[in-house]
């Protein structure tokens, strides 16, 4: 049962991660230095971006909880 929940959580987590919009210039910007790579920029997320971001964070925490629970229960 826990393994099935983990697989569903993993699939949804991957989909949500792919749906998030990029907040930087990407890998080419990191190498060329155009605009800088601002990982800790104070960017306000609004609307659907905020919902997707919050869901990704919640599912990420749930992923780790499920992995630990599966490891404990054997």
N, C-alpha and C. Protein backbone atom coordinates (compact mmCIF):
# COMPACT_ATOMS: atom_id res chain seq x y z
N UNK A 1 0.82 -1.20 0.00
CA UNK A 1 0.00 0.00 0.00
C UNK A 1 0.86 1.26 0.00
N UNK A 2 1.89 1.28 0.87
CA UNK A 2 2.76 2.45 0.92
C UNK A 2 3.56 2.61 -0.37
N UNK A 3 3.94 1.49 -0.95
CA UNK A 3 4.71 1.55 -2.20
C UNK A 3 3.86 2.11 -3.35
N UNK A 4 2.59 1.77 -3.37
CA UNK A 4 1.70 2.31 -4.40
C UNK A 4 1.54 3.83 -4.21
N UNK A 5 1.39 4.26 -2.97
CA UNK A 5 1.29 5.70 -2.70
C UNK A 5 2.58 6.42 -3.11
N UNK A 6 3.72 5.77 -2.86
CA UNK A 6 4.99 6.36 -3.24
C UNK A 6 5.11 6.51 -4.76
N UNK A 7 4.66 5.51 -5.49
CA UNK A 7 4.72 5.58 -6.95
C UNK A 7 3.81 6.69 -7.50
N UNK A 8 2.62 6.81 -6.93
CA UNK A 8 1.68 7.86 -7.36
C UNK A 8 2.26 9.23 -7.02
N UNK A 9 2.79 9.36 -5.81
CA UNK A 9 3.40 10.61 -5.38
C UNK A 9 4.56 10.99 -6.28
N UNK A 10 5.38 10.02 -6.65
CA UNK A 10 6.53 10.27 -7.52
C UNK A 10 6.08 10.77 -8.89
N UNK A 11 5.08 10.13 -9.46
CA UNK A 11 4.60 10.52 -10.78
C UNK A 11 4.03 11.94 -10.76
N UNK A 12 3.22 12.25 -9.76
CA UNK A 12 2.63 13.58 -9.68
C UNK A 12 3.71 14.63 -9.40
N UNK A 13 4.71 14.27 -8.59
CA UNK A 13 5.80 15.19 -8.30
C UNK A 13 6.61 15.51 -9.56
N UNK A 14 6.85 14.52 -10.39
CA UNK A 14 7.55 14.75 -11.66
C UNK A 14 6.73 15.66 -12.57
N UNK A 15 5.44 15.40 -12.67
CA UNK A 15 4.58 16.22 -13.53
C UNK A 15 4.54 17.66 -13.05
N UNK A 16 4.40 17.87 -11.74
CA UNK A 16 4.36 19.23 -11.21
C UNK A 16 5.69 19.94 -11.40
N UNK A 17 6.79 19.22 -11.28
CA UNK A 17 8.10 19.83 -11.49
C UNK A 17 8.26 20.28 -12.93
N UNK A 18 7.74 19.49 -13.86
CA UNK A 18 7.83 19.87 -15.27
C UNK A 18 6.91 21.03 -15.61
N UNK A 19 5.83 21.19 -14.88
CA UNK A 19 4.89 22.28 -15.14
C UNK A 19 5.39 23.63 -14.65
N UNK A 20 6.35 23.63 -13.74
CA UNK A 20 6.83 24.89 -13.19
C UNK A 20 7.59 25.66 -14.25
N UNK A 21 7.34 26.96 -14.27
CA UNK A 21 8.03 27.80 -15.26
C UNK A 21 9.44 28.09 -14.76
N UNK A 22 10.35 28.23 -15.71
CA UNK A 22 11.74 28.54 -15.37
C UNK A 22 11.87 29.96 -14.89
N UNK A 23 12.70 30.17 -13.87
CA UNK A 23 12.87 31.51 -13.32
C UNK A 23 14.25 32.06 -13.62
N UNK A 24 15.00 31.38 -14.50
CA UNK A 24 16.33 31.85 -14.86
C UNK A 24 16.52 31.71 -16.36
N UNK A 25 17.70 32.06 -16.82
CA UNK A 25 18.01 31.98 -18.24
C UNK A 25 18.30 30.55 -18.69
N UNK A 26 18.33 29.64 -17.76
CA UNK A 26 18.62 28.25 -18.10
C UNK A 26 20.10 27.97 -18.06
N UNK A 27 20.48 26.83 -18.60
CA UNK A 27 21.86 26.38 -18.51
C UNK A 27 22.79 27.24 -19.36
N UNK A 28 22.30 27.74 -20.49
CA UNK A 28 23.15 28.59 -21.33
C UNK A 28 23.48 29.90 -20.61
N UNK A 29 22.53 30.43 -19.87
CA UNK A 29 22.78 31.65 -19.11
C UNK A 29 23.77 31.43 -17.98
N UNK A 30 23.81 30.22 -17.44
CA UNK A 30 24.76 29.91 -16.38
C UNK A 30 26.18 29.88 -16.92
N UNK A 31 26.36 29.39 -18.15
CA UNK A 31 27.70 29.30 -18.72
C UNK A 31 28.17 30.63 -19.30
N UNK A 32 27.28 31.36 -19.93
CA UNK A 32 27.69 32.61 -20.56
C UNK A 32 27.66 33.79 -19.60
N UNK A 33 26.93 33.67 -18.51
CA UNK A 33 26.88 34.75 -17.54
C UNK A 33 25.87 35.83 -17.88
N UNK A 34 25.00 35.60 -18.83
CA UNK A 34 24.00 36.60 -19.20
C UNK A 34 22.93 36.70 -18.13
N UNK A 35 22.86 37.81 -17.45
CA UNK A 35 21.83 38.04 -16.46
C UNK A 35 22.10 37.39 -15.12
N UNK A 36 23.06 36.53 -15.02
CA UNK A 36 23.39 35.89 -13.76
C UNK A 36 22.39 34.81 -13.40
N UNK A 37 22.83 33.89 -12.60
CA UNK A 37 21.96 32.82 -12.13
C UNK A 37 21.50 33.20 -10.73
N UNK A 38 20.28 33.65 -10.61
CA UNK A 38 19.75 34.18 -9.37
C UNK A 38 18.87 33.14 -8.69
N UNK A 39 19.48 32.20 -8.00
CA UNK A 39 18.70 31.13 -7.37
C UNK A 39 17.89 31.62 -6.19
N UNK A 40 18.39 32.62 -5.49
CA UNK A 40 17.72 33.08 -4.28
C UNK A 40 17.05 34.42 -4.47
N UNK A 41 16.63 34.71 -5.67
CA UNK A 41 15.94 35.97 -5.96
C UNK A 41 14.58 35.96 -5.28
N UNK A 42 14.18 37.13 -4.84
CA UNK A 42 12.88 37.26 -4.17
C UNK A 42 11.81 37.47 -5.24
N UNK A 43 11.32 36.36 -5.80
CA UNK A 43 10.33 36.42 -6.87
C UNK A 43 8.98 36.01 -6.29
N UNK A 44 8.01 36.87 -6.43
CA UNK A 44 6.68 36.57 -5.93
C UNK A 44 5.93 35.70 -6.92
N UNK A 45 5.49 34.55 -6.45
CA UNK A 45 4.70 33.67 -7.31
C UNK A 45 3.23 34.01 -7.10
N UNK A 46 2.50 34.03 -8.19
CA UNK A 46 1.09 34.38 -8.11
C UNK A 46 0.26 33.38 -8.88
N UNK A 47 -0.96 33.22 -8.46
CA UNK A 47 -1.92 32.39 -9.19
C UNK A 47 -1.53 30.94 -9.23
N UNK A 48 -1.57 30.40 -10.45
CA UNK A 48 -1.32 28.97 -10.62
C UNK A 48 0.13 28.60 -10.30
N UNK A 49 1.08 29.52 -10.51
CA UNK A 49 2.48 29.23 -10.18
C UNK A 49 2.64 28.97 -8.69
N UNK A 50 1.93 29.74 -7.89
CA UNK A 50 2.02 29.57 -6.44
C UNK A 50 1.41 28.24 -6.01
N UNK A 51 0.27 27.88 -6.61
CA UNK A 51 -0.39 26.62 -6.28
C UNK A 51 0.51 25.44 -6.66
N UNK A 52 1.10 25.50 -7.86
CA UNK A 52 1.97 24.41 -8.31
C UNK A 52 3.20 24.32 -7.41
N UNK A 53 3.77 25.45 -7.04
CA UNK A 53 4.94 25.47 -6.17
C UNK A 53 4.62 24.88 -4.80
N UNK A 54 3.49 25.27 -4.23
CA UNK A 54 3.10 24.74 -2.92
C UNK A 54 2.81 23.25 -2.98
N UNK A 55 2.13 22.79 -4.03
CA UNK A 55 1.85 21.37 -4.18
C UNK A 55 3.14 20.56 -4.35
N UNK A 56 4.10 21.12 -5.08
CA UNK A 56 5.37 20.44 -5.27
C UNK A 56 6.10 20.29 -3.93
N UNK A 57 6.07 21.33 -3.13
CA UNK A 57 6.72 21.27 -1.82
C UNK A 57 6.03 20.24 -0.92
N UNK A 58 4.71 20.24 -0.89
CA UNK A 58 3.97 19.29 -0.06
C UNK A 58 4.22 17.87 -0.50
N UNK A 59 4.18 17.62 -1.81
CA UNK A 59 4.41 16.27 -2.32
C UNK A 59 5.86 15.83 -2.12
N UNK A 60 6.79 16.77 -2.12
CA UNK A 60 8.18 16.44 -1.83
C UNK A 60 8.37 15.98 -0.40
N UNK A 61 7.73 16.68 0.52
CA UNK A 61 7.78 16.27 1.94
C UNK A 61 7.10 14.91 2.11
N UNK A 62 5.95 14.72 1.46
CA UNK A 62 5.24 13.45 1.53
C UNK A 62 6.09 12.31 0.97
N UNK A 63 6.86 12.60 -0.08
CA UNK A 63 7.75 11.60 -0.68
C UNK A 63 8.74 11.10 0.36
N UNK A 64 9.40 12.01 1.07
CA UNK A 64 10.39 11.62 2.06
C UNK A 64 9.75 10.89 3.23
N UNK A 65 8.57 11.31 3.64
CA UNK A 65 7.86 10.61 4.73
C UNK A 65 7.52 9.19 4.31
N UNK A 66 7.05 9.01 3.09
CA UNK A 66 6.72 7.67 2.60
C UNK A 66 7.95 6.79 2.49
N UNK A 67 9.06 7.35 2.03
CA UNK A 67 10.29 6.56 1.92
C UNK A 67 10.75 6.10 3.30
N UNK A 68 10.70 6.98 4.28
CA UNK A 68 11.10 6.61 5.64
C UNK A 68 10.13 5.58 6.21
N UNK A 69 8.83 5.75 5.98
CA UNK A 69 7.84 4.80 6.48
C UNK A 69 8.04 3.42 5.85
N UNK A 70 8.35 3.37 4.56
CA UNK A 70 8.59 2.09 3.90
C UNK A 70 9.86 1.44 4.47
N UNK A 71 10.87 2.25 4.73
CA UNK A 71 12.11 1.71 5.27
C UNK A 71 11.91 1.15 6.67
N UNK A 72 11.11 1.83 7.47
CA UNK A 72 10.87 1.38 8.85
C UNK A 72 10.04 0.10 8.88
N UNK A 73 8.99 0.07 8.05
CA UNK A 73 8.11 -1.09 8.07
C UNK A 73 8.70 -2.30 7.34
N UNK A 74 9.73 -2.06 6.58
CA UNK A 74 10.41 -3.18 5.92
C UNK A 74 9.76 -3.54 4.67
